[in-house]
C-alpha atoms as a PDB file:
ATOM      1  CA  MET A   1      -4.958  15.855 -14.168  1.00  0.00           C
ATOM      2  CA  SER A   2      -3.310  12.712 -12.814  1.00  0.00           C
ATOM      3  CA  SER A   3      -2.759   9.577 -14.843  1.00  0.00           C
ATOM      4  CA  ILE A   4      -5.441   6.904 -14.978  1.00  0.00           C
ATOM      5  CA  LEU A   5      -3.056   4.510 -13.200  1.00  0.00           C
ATOM      6  CA  LYS A   6      -2.637   6.989 -10.331  1.00  0.00           C
ATOM      7  CA  GLN A   7      -6.394   7.461 -10.126  1.00  0.00           C
ATOM      8  CA  PHE A   8      -6.892   3.696 -10.092  1.00  0.00           C
ATOM      9  CA  ALA A   9      -4.162   3.175  -7.466  1.00  0.00           C
ATOM     10  CA  ASN A  10      -5.722   5.882  -5.272  1.00  0.00           C
ATOM     11  CA  GLY A  11      -9.095   4.179  -5.455  1.00  0.00           C
ATOM     12  CA  ASP A  12     -10.610   7.046  -7.431  1.00  0.00           C
ATOM     13  CA  LEU A  13     -11.862   4.594 -10.053  1.00  0.00           C
ATOM     14  CA  MET A  14     -14.042   1.547  -9.588  1.00  0.00           C
ATOM     15  CA  MET A  15     -12.665  -1.881  -8.619  1.00  0.00           C
ATOM     16  CA  GLU A  16     -12.439  -1.641  -4.844  1.00  0.00           C
ATOM     17  CA  ARG A  17     -11.031  -4.728  -3.232  1.00  0.00           C
ATOM     18  CA  PRO A  18     -11.981  -6.128   0.151  1.00  0.00           C
ATOM     19  CA  SER A  19      -9.627  -5.678   3.055  1.00  0.00           C
ATOM     20  CA  ASN A  20      -7.059  -8.366   3.760  1.00  0.00           C
ATOM     21  CA  THR A  21      -8.419 -11.014   6.119  1.00  0.00           C
ATOM     22  CA  SER A  22      -5.644 -13.627   5.921  1.00  0.00           C
ATOM     23  CA  PRO A  23      -4.439 -15.123   9.209  1.00  0.00           C
ATOM     24  CA  GLU A  24      -0.953 -13.701   8.565  1.00  0.00           C
ATOM     25  CA  TYR A  25      -2.353 -10.207   8.098  1.00  0.00           C
ATOM     26  CA  LYS A  26      -4.486 -10.456  11.228  1.00  0.00           C
ATOM     27  CA  GLN A  27      -1.462 -11.684  13.235  1.00  0.00           C
ATOM     28  CA  ALA A  28       0.791  -8.864  11.983  1.00  0.00           C
ATOM     29  CA  LEU A  29      -1.926  -6.297  12.710  1.00  0.00           C
ATOM     30  CA  ALA A  30      -2.423  -7.634  16.246  1.00  0.00           C
ATOM     31  CA  VAL A  31       1.319  -7.372  16.918  1.00  0.00           C
ATOM     32  CA  MET A  32       1.403  -3.821  15.582  1.00  0.00           C
ATOM     33  CA  VAL A  33      -1.587  -2.748  17.699  1.00  0.00           C
ATOM     34  CA  ALA A  34      -0.033  -4.271  20.838  1.00  0.00           C
ATOM     35  CA  ILE A  35       3.308  -2.555  20.240  1.00  0.00           C
ATOM     36  CA  LYS A  36       1.607   0.785  19.583  1.00  0.00           C
ATOM     37  CA  ALA A  37      -0.315   0.486  22.861  1.00  0.00           C
ATOM     38  CA  LYS A  38       2.924  -0.279  24.761  1.00  0.00           C
ATOM     39  CA  LEU A  39       4.691   2.701  23.202  1.00  0.00           C
ATOM     40  CA  LEU A  40       1.831   5.078  23.935  1.00  0.00           C
ATOM     41  CA  ALA A  41       1.778   3.931  27.571  1.00  0.00           C
ATOM     42  CA  MET A  42       5.464   4.839  27.885  1.00  0.00           C
ATOM     43  CA  LEU A  43       5.143   8.339  26.422  1.00  0.00           C
ATOM     44  CA  ASN A  44       4.088  11.620  27.970  1.00  0.00           C
ATOM     45  CA  ASP A  45       1.526  13.825  26.194  1.00  0.00           C
ATOM     46  CA  GLU A  46       4.135  15.575  24.044  1.00  0.00           C
ATOM     47  CA  GLY A  47       5.685  12.249  23.072  1.00  0.00           C
ATOM     48  CA  LYS A  48       2.256  10.885  22.127  1.00  0.00           C
ATOM     49  CA  VAL A  49       1.642  13.832  19.804  1.00  0.00           C
ATOM     50  CA  ILE A  50       5.046  13.405  18.170  1.00  0.00           C
ATOM     51  CA  PHE A  51       4.495   9.653  17.809  1.00  0.00           C
ATOM     52  CA  GLU A  52       1.098  10.201  16.125  1.00  0.00           C
ATOM     53  CA  GLU A  53       2.687  12.742  13.769  1.00  0.00           C
ATOM     54  CA  PHE A  54       5.351  10.158  12.942  1.00  0.00           C
ATOM     55  CA  LEU A  55       2.693   7.536  12.189  1.00  0.00           C
ATOM     56  CA  GLU A  56       0.832   9.967   9.907  1.00  0.00           C
ATOM     57  CA  ALA A  57       4.035  10.817   8.000  1.00  0.00           C
ATOM     58  CA  LYS A  58       4.873   7.109   7.698  1.00  0.00           C
ATOM     59  CA  ALA A  59       1.388   6.339   6.384  1.00  0.00           C
ATOM     60  CA  GLU A  60       1.735   9.089   3.765  1.00  0.00           C
ATOM     61  CA  LEU A  61       5.066   7.681   2.587  1.00  0.00           C
ATOM     62  CA  GLU A  62       3.603   4.166   2.412  1.00  0.00           C
ATOM     63  CA  HIS A  63       0.678   5.511   0.381  1.00  0.00           C
ATOM     64  CA  ILE A  64       2.990   7.253  -2.088  1.00  0.00           C
ATOM     65  CA  ASN A  65       5.225   4.180  -2.370  1.00  0.00           C
ATOM     66  CA  GLY A  66       2.180   1.951  -2.801  1.00  0.00           C
ATOM     67  CA  ILE A  67       0.968   4.028  -5.741  1.00  0.00           C
ATOM     68  CA  ASP A  68       4.418   3.956  -7.346  1.00  0.00           C
ATOM     69  CA  ASP A  69       4.682   0.184  -6.812  1.00  0.00           C
ATOM     70  CA  PHE A  70       1.220  -0.350  -8.285  1.00  0.00           C
ATOM     71  CA  ILE A  71       2.023   1.691 -11.385  1.00  0.00           C
ATOM     72  CA  ASP A  72       5.368  -0.071 -11.851  1.00  0.00           C
ATOM     73  CA  GLY A  73       3.752  -3.499 -11.460  1.00  0.00           C
ATOM     74  CA  TYR A  74       0.914  -2.666 -13.803  1.00  0.00           C
ATOM     75  CA  SER A  75       3.322  -1.336 -16.420  1.00  0.00           C
ATOM     76  CA  LEU A  76       5.507  -4.422 -16.100  1.00  0.00           C
ATOM     77  CA  GLY A  77       2.458  -6.645 -16.541  1.00  0.00           C
ATOM     78  CA  LEU A  78       1.492  -4.777 -19.697  1.00  0.00           C
ATOM     79  CA  MET A  79       5.019  -5.064 -21.092  1.00  0.00           C
ATOM     80  CA  MET A  80       4.959  -8.812 -20.401  1.00  0.00           C
ATOM     81  CA  THR A  81       1.599  -9.120 -22.148  1.00  0.00           C
ATOM     82  CA  VAL A  82       2.846  -7.204 -25.187  1.00  0.00           C
ATOM     83  CA  GLU A  83       5.943  -9.380 -25.335  1.00  0.00           C
ATOM     84  CA  ALA A  84       3.858 -12.559 -25.075  1.00  0.00           C
ATOM     85  CA  PHE A  85       1.681 -11.462 -27.994  1.00  0.00           C
ATOM     86  CA  THR A  86       4.475 -10.133 -30.172  1.00  0.00           C
ATOM     87  CA  THR A  87       6.869 -13.050 -29.711  1.00  0.00           C
ATOM     88  CA  SER A  88       4.463 -15.972 -29.547  1.00  0.00           C
ATOM     89  CA  LYS A  89       4.960 -18.577 -32.215  1.00  0.00           C
ATOM     90  CA  ARG A  90       1.805 -19.547 -33.964  1.00  0.00           C
ATOM     91  CA  HIS A  91       1.614 -23.173 -35.078  1.00  0.00           C
END
């Protein structure tokens, strides 16, 4: 059984968030889509298959790193909260 943080990071628990709709995100996505189209136009069929395999492997690595980053950030936030409560000076 995986940890609750891993389940949460994978979206296996509630709390789904909407997709990013910021102008910066939309701009970066448009650039990426345009570059992908240019690359695919340059490749033969075998190259296209290899490129798609590369993109799938890259997406898997980003997913794994995203989960690790989420867990690290969540843990850091909890440690900061504990420190704030245990070191706060009450007047």
